[in-house]
Amino acid sequence: MNKLPTEALGDGTKLPRYYQVYLTVRDWIYNGNYSRGAQLPTETELCDTFGVSRITVRKAVDLLSDDKLILREQGRGTFVTGATNASPPPLTGDMDQLLKRLDAMTKRSEIKELKFETVAADDETRADLNLAMGAMVQRISMVRILRGRRVGCSVSYIPADLNIEIKPDELASLSMFSILEKKGIDILSADQLIGATLADLQDAHALECAVGTPLVRNRLVVFDASYRPVEKHMATYLADFYQHRIHLVRRPDDVGKFRWAQEEADDVR
């Protein structure tokens, strides 16, 4: 974890510093950055990371212990004991509507800090994209600007063996979804997970916001017609710029009974 200036804690929020540290580390655990059984950074490392005193870190760790998320072991360190509860069953949405929304969002915002890399997939990405050990992926990261403000940052991972060449000007007008289809990938479905989180140090640096700022995190895994994962997309948005709308309607099913269906819409305002 890279150290940011001390001002990353406290700017734009009235939360005490120890509580900001608590919220951020708790979020690391809930997001799986530190899974059950993993060892947390030492108090000294957390002090250096957040730019706070040892007393501040200890108060934050006490709260994590009260939540039964961690266990202190004398002479060994602090270990994660808790994790998030099981997720509810997913809802089914309209793929064409998702494509249209993503394209519209892309056209209304600007891209900054666009970066292309070819890297070895980490363990989580290998699992999400069903790749072999040592497999390479294209990693495309960017920050989105709306009305002069950094409102979101994202990173996409695409298997390198797809040999997809993506140009910066394409990303300025099309979503990654549409670009993949334009390149000949027959997209069949996508698994989307939207959740609430709080800005950690990395988010605070990318979005120029305070640690602890409310964010919306969007995780998307895209599948082609053969059910192969062809993209993993991770995006984080400032909560006050993001909305997710669901319109519920009654529609007849195959036997003539009317059941609730949904028409969803994501947007960055």
Protein backbone atom coordinates (compact mmCIF):
# COMPACT_ATOMS: atom_id res chain seq x y z
CA MET A 1 0.00 0.00 0.00
CA ASN A 2 1.40 3.35 -0.97
CA LYS A 3 1.46 6.16 1.55
CA LEU A 4 -0.48 9.27 0.64
CA PRO A 5 -0.24 12.65 2.36
CA THR A 6 -1.77 12.76 5.83
CA GLU A 7 -4.44 15.13 4.47
CA ALA A 8 -5.97 12.14 2.64
CA LEU A 9 -7.65 11.47 6.00
CA GLY A 10 -10.06 14.09 7.23
CA ASP A 11 -10.50 16.33 4.18
CA GLY A 12 -14.17 16.73 3.34
CA THR A 13 -15.47 14.64 6.25
CA LYS A 14 -16.08 15.23 9.96
CA LEU A 15 -15.39 11.60 10.89
CA PRO A 16 -12.60 11.10 13.47
CA ARG A 17 -9.38 9.79 12.02
CA TYR A 18 -9.53 6.52 13.95
CA TYR A 19 -13.02 5.91 12.54
CA GLN A 20 -11.86 6.61 8.99
CA VAL A 21 -9.06 4.07 9.43
CA TYR A 22 -11.57 1.58 10.85
CA LEU A 23 -13.99 2.08 7.92
CA THR A 24 -11.23 1.70 5.35
CA VAL A 25 -9.73 -1.48 6.83
CA ARG A 26 -13.21 -2.91 7.34
CA ASP A 27 -13.87 -2.25 3.65
CA TRP A 28 -10.65 -4.07 2.71
CA ILE A 29 -12.01 -7.11 4.55
CA TYR A 30 -15.53 -6.90 3.10
CA ASN A 31 -14.14 -6.50 -0.43
CA GLY A 32 -11.90 -9.55 -0.07
CA ASN A 33 -8.58 -7.68 -0.19
CA TYR A 34 -7.87 -9.48 3.06
CA SER A 35 -9.72 -12.80 3.14
CA ARG A 36 -10.49 -14.98 6.14
CA GLY A 37 -7.21 -16.10 7.74
CA ALA A 38 -5.10 -13.38 6.09
CA GLN A 39 -2.76 -11.29 8.23
CA LEU A 40 -3.41 -7.55 8.38
CA PRO A 41 -0.55 -5.03 8.13
CA THR A 42 1.19 -4.29 11.41
CA GLU A 43 0.32 -1.23 13.49
CA THR A 44 3.48 0.47 12.26
CA GLU A 45 2.58 -0.24 8.62
CA LEU A 46 -0.95 1.10 9.14
CA CYS A 47 0.45 4.22 10.82
CA ASP A 48 2.73 4.82 7.83
CA THR A 49 -0.03 4.07 5.32
CA PHE A 50 -2.59 6.45 6.82
CA GLY A 51 -0.17 9.00 8.27
CA VAL A 52 -1.66 8.71 11.76
CA SER A 53 -0.47 7.89 15.29
CA ARG A 54 -0.28 4.44 16.89
CA ILE A 55 -3.09 5.40 19.29
CA THR A 56 -5.35 6.19 16.31
CA VAL A 57 -4.59 2.83 14.69
CA ARG A 58 -5.20 0.94 17.94
CA LYS A 59 -8.62 2.55 18.38
CA ALA A 60 -9.51 1.52 14.81
CA VAL A 61 -8.29 -2.04 15.40
CA ASP A 62 -10.32 -2.21 18.62
CA LEU A 63 -13.47 -1.47 16.62
CA LEU A 64 -12.62 -4.21 14.12
CA SER A 65 -12.14 -6.60 17.02
CA ASP A 66 -15.49 -5.56 18.50
CA ASP A 67 -17.07 -6.40 15.13
CA LYS A 68 -15.43 -9.86 15.36
CA LEU A 69 -13.72 -9.25 12.01
CA ILE A 70 -10.19 -9.78 13.34
CA LEU A 71 -8.28 -11.70 16.00
CA ARG A 72 -5.08 -10.50 17.67
CA GLU A 73 -2.54 -13.25 18.37
CA GLN A 74 0.28 -12.37 20.75
CA GLY A 75 3.63 -12.53 19.00
CA ARG A 76 2.09 -13.41 15.61
CA GLY A 77 -0.03 -10.48 14.49
CA THR A 78 -3.63 -9.63 13.62
CA PHE A 79 -5.67 -11.96 11.43
CA VAL A 80 -9.01 -11.72 9.63
CA THR A 81 -11.70 -13.94 11.12
CA GLY A 82 -14.89 -12.49 9.57
CA ALA A 83 -16.13 -11.84 6.06
CA THR A 84 -19.24 -10.72 4.21
CA ASN A 85 -22.42 -12.78 4.32
CA ALA A 86 -23.63 -14.80 1.36
CA SER A 87 -24.94 -12.72 -1.53
CA PRO A 88 -28.63 -12.83 -2.50
CA PRO A 89 -29.58 -14.52 -5.78
CA PRO A 90 -28.92 -12.30 -8.83
CA LEU A 91 -31.58 -10.47 -10.81
CA THR A 92 -31.85 -10.84 -14.58
CA GLY A 93 -31.69 -7.73 -16.75
CA ASP A 94 -31.81 -6.73 -20.40
CA MET A 95 -28.40 -6.98 -22.13
CA ASP A 96 -29.27 -4.52 -24.94
CA GLN A 97 -30.34 -1.91 -22.40
CA LEU A 98 -27.06 -2.34 -20.53
CA LEU A 99 -25.08 -1.77 -23.75
CA LYS A 100 -27.03 1.40 -24.54
CA ARG A 101 -26.56 2.79 -21.03
CA LEU A 102 -22.82 2.14 -21.04
CA ASP A 103 -22.38 3.80 -24.44
CA ALA A 104 -24.38 6.83 -23.32
CA MET A 105 -22.31 7.13 -20.14
CA THR A 106 -19.10 6.92 -22.19
CA LYS A 107 -20.13 9.71 -24.57
CA ARG A 108 -21.09 12.09 -21.75
CA SER A 109 -17.77 11.85 -19.91
CA GLU A 110 -14.10 12.42 -20.69
CA ILE A 111 -11.17 10.06 -20.17
CA LYS A 112 -7.98 10.95 -18.36
CA GLU A 113 -4.93 8.93 -17.31
CA LEU A 114 -5.64 6.19 -19.85
CA LYS A 115 -3.10 3.39 -19.49
CA PHE A 116 -2.61 0.18 -21.50
CA GLU A 117 -0.54 -2.70 -20.10
CA THR A 118 -0.04 -6.38 -20.79
CA VAL A 119 0.46 -8.14 -17.47
CA ALA A 120 0.22 -11.57 -15.89
CA ALA A 121 -3.27 -12.08 -14.46
CA ASP A 122 -3.44 -12.05 -10.67
CA ASP A 123 -5.16 -14.94 -8.88
CA GLU A 124 -8.55 -13.23 -8.63
CA THR A 125 -8.56 -12.21 -12.29
CA ARG A 126 -7.45 -15.69 -13.39
CA ALA A 127 -10.39 -17.16 -11.48
CA ASP A 128 -12.88 -14.62 -12.87
CA LEU A 129 -11.69 -15.09 -16.46
CA ASN A 130 -11.05 -18.83 -16.13
CA LEU A 131 -7.40 -18.50 -17.17
CA ALA A 132 -4.43 -20.79 -16.64
CA MET A 133 -1.56 -19.99 -14.31
CA GLY A 134 0.76 -17.47 -15.95
CA ALA A 135 -1.83 -16.32 -18.50
CA MET A 136 -1.46 -12.73 -19.71
CA VAL A 137 -4.19 -10.08 -19.87
CA GLN A 138 -4.58 -6.61 -21.31
CA ARG A 139 -5.09 -4.20 -18.42
CA ILE A 140 -6.77 -0.92 -19.40
CA SER A 141 -7.24 1.68 -16.67
CA MET A 142 -8.70 5.19 -16.79
CA VAL A 143 -10.32 8.00 -14.84
CA ARG A 144 -13.64 9.45 -15.96
CA ILE A 145 -14.26 13.22 -15.83
CA LEU A 146 -17.74 14.76 -15.82
CA ARG A 147 -18.24 18.53 -15.75
CA GLY A 148 -14.61 19.00 -14.77
CA ARG A 149 -14.71 16.63 -11.79
CA ARG A 150 -13.22 13.17 -11.36
CA VAL A 151 -16.33 11.03 -10.84
CA GLY A 152 -15.07 7.50 -11.45
CA CYS A 153 -12.13 5.27 -12.19
CA SER A 154 -12.10 1.87 -13.83
CA VAL A 155 -9.89 -0.98 -14.95
CA SER A 156 -10.68 -3.68 -17.52
CA TYR A 157 -8.93 -7.02 -17.94
CA ILE A 158 -9.12 -8.80 -21.31
CA PRO A 159 -7.44 -12.16 -22.04
CA ALA A 160 -4.36 -11.45 -24.17
CA ASP A 161 -4.95 -14.52 -26.33
CA LEU A 162 -8.04 -12.84 -27.79
CA ASN A 163 -5.60 -10.56 -29.65
CA ILE A 164 -7.93 -7.56 -29.35
CA GLU A 165 -6.32 -4.24 -30.30
CA ILE A 166 -8.10 -1.33 -28.63
CA LYS A 167 -7.30 2.27 -29.53
CA PRO A 168 -7.70 5.32 -27.28
CA ASP A 169 -10.11 7.06 -29.67
CA GLU A 170 -12.45 4.06 -29.52
CA LEU A 171 -12.68 4.32 -25.73
CA ALA A 172 -13.60 8.00 -26.05
CA SER A 173 -16.89 7.18 -27.80
CA LEU A 174 -17.72 3.51 -27.10
CA SER A 175 -18.02 1.33 -24.03
CA MET A 176 -15.73 -1.69 -23.75
CA PHE A 177 -18.82 -3.83 -24.40
CA SER A 178 -19.42 -2.23 -27.79
CA ILE A 179 -15.73 -2.27 -28.69
CA LEU A 180 -15.50 -6.01 -28.07
CA GLU A 181 -18.55 -6.61 -30.25
CA LYS A 182 -17.08 -4.37 -32.94
CA LYS A 183 -13.92 -6.50 -32.84
CA GLY A 184 -15.92 -9.66 -33.53
CA ILE A 185 -16.61 -10.94 -30.01
CA ASP A 186 -20.16 -12.32 -29.84
CA ILE A 187 -21.26 -11.22 -26.37
CA LEU A 188 -23.99 -13.33 -24.82
CA SER A 189 -24.27 -12.25 -21.19
CA ALA A 190 -22.68 -10.44 -18.27
CA ASP A 191 -22.65 -10.83 -14.51
CA GLN A 192 -22.91 -7.45 -12.74
CA LEU A 193 -22.46 -6.75 -9.04
CA ILE A 194 -23.14 -3.24 -7.68
CA GLY A 195 -22.28 -2.40 -4.11
CA ALA A 196 -21.58 0.45 -1.74
CA THR A 197 -18.12 1.05 -0.35
CA LEU A 198 -15.90 3.76 1.14
CA ALA A 199 -12.85 5.31 -0.48
CA ASP A 200 -9.54 3.79 0.55
CA LEU A 201 -6.19 5.46 -0.08
CA GLN A 202 -5.99 4.31 -3.69
CA ASP A 203 -9.54 5.53 -4.44
CA ALA A 204 -8.87 8.83 -2.67
CA HIS A 205 -5.80 9.43 -4.82
CA ALA A 206 -7.54 8.55 -8.11
CA LEU A 207 -10.73 10.52 -7.43
CA GLU A 208 -9.15 13.36 -5.42
CA CYS A 209 -11.49 12.75 -2.51
CA ALA A 210 -11.11 12.03 1.20
CA VAL A 211 -10.59 8.55 2.60
CA GLY A 212 -14.01 7.38 3.78
CA THR A 213 -15.94 9.15 1.00
CA PRO A 214 -19.03 7.09 -0.02
CA LEU A 215 -18.52 5.28 -3.34
CA VAL A 216 -20.39 2.89 -5.61
CA ARG A 217 -18.40 -0.11 -6.83
CA ASN A 218 -19.44 -1.87 -10.05
CA ARG A 219 -18.00 -5.27 -10.97
CA LEU A 220 -18.82 -6.77 -14.37
CA VAL A 221 -17.71 -10.07 -15.95
CA VAL A 222 -18.65 -10.43 -19.62
CA PHE A 223 -19.21 -13.77 -21.41
CA ASP A 224 -19.20 -14.60 -25.12
CA ALA A 225 -21.56 -16.98 -26.96
CA SER A 226 -19.48 -19.99 -25.86
CA TYR A 227 -19.77 -18.85 -22.21
CA ARG A 228 -16.10 -17.90 -22.09
CA PRO A 229 -15.32 -14.87 -19.89
CA VAL A 230 -13.89 -12.21 -22.20
CA GLU A 231 -13.68 -9.18 -19.91
CA LYS A 232 -13.55 -8.30 -16.24
CA HIS A 233 -14.44 -4.68 -15.53
CA MET A 234 -14.03 -2.99 -12.14
CA ALA A 235 -15.31 0.57 -11.72
CA THR A 236 -15.68 2.91 -8.76
CA TYR A 237 -17.83 6.06 -8.79
CA LEU A 238 -18.49 8.89 -6.36
CA ALA A 239 -21.83 8.00 -4.79
CA ASP A 240 -23.38 11.43 -5.38
CA PHE A 241 -22.73 11.11 -9.14
CA TYR A 242 -24.10 7.59 -9.60
CA GLN A 243 -27.66 6.30 -9.67
CA HIS A 244 -29.17 2.89 -10.40
CA ARG A 245 -32.84 2.89 -11.36
CA ILE A 246 -35.12 -0.15 -11.68
CA HIS A 247 -38.56 0.16 -13.30
CA LEU A 248 -40.84 -2.74 -12.34
CA VAL A 249 -43.58 -3.88 -14.73
CA ARG A 250 -45.99 -6.80 -14.92
CA ARG A 251 -45.57 -9.06 -17.96
CA PRO A 252 -47.26 -12.32 -18.97
CA ASP A 253 -45.16 -15.48 -18.70
CA ASP A 254 -45.37 -18.59 -20.90
CA VAL A 255 -48.60 -19.77 -19.29
CA GLY A 256 -50.34 -16.40 -19.33
CA LYS A 257 -49.77 -15.43 -15.72
CA PHE A 258 -48.51 -11.90 -15.07
CA ARG A 259 -45.25 -11.65 -13.17
CA TRP A 260 -43.01 -8.77 -12.13
CA ALA A 261 -40.12 -7.96 -14.48
CA GLN A 262 -37.53 -5.19 -14.29
CA GLU A 263 -36.05 -2.62 -16.60
CA GLU A 264 -32.80 -1.30 -15.11
CA ALA A 265 -30.76 1.82 -15.74
CA ASP A 266 -27.32 2.89 -14.48
CA ASP A 267 -26.14 6.44 -14.92
CA VAL A 268 -23.42 8.86 -13.89
CA ARG A 269 -25.11 12.23 -13.34
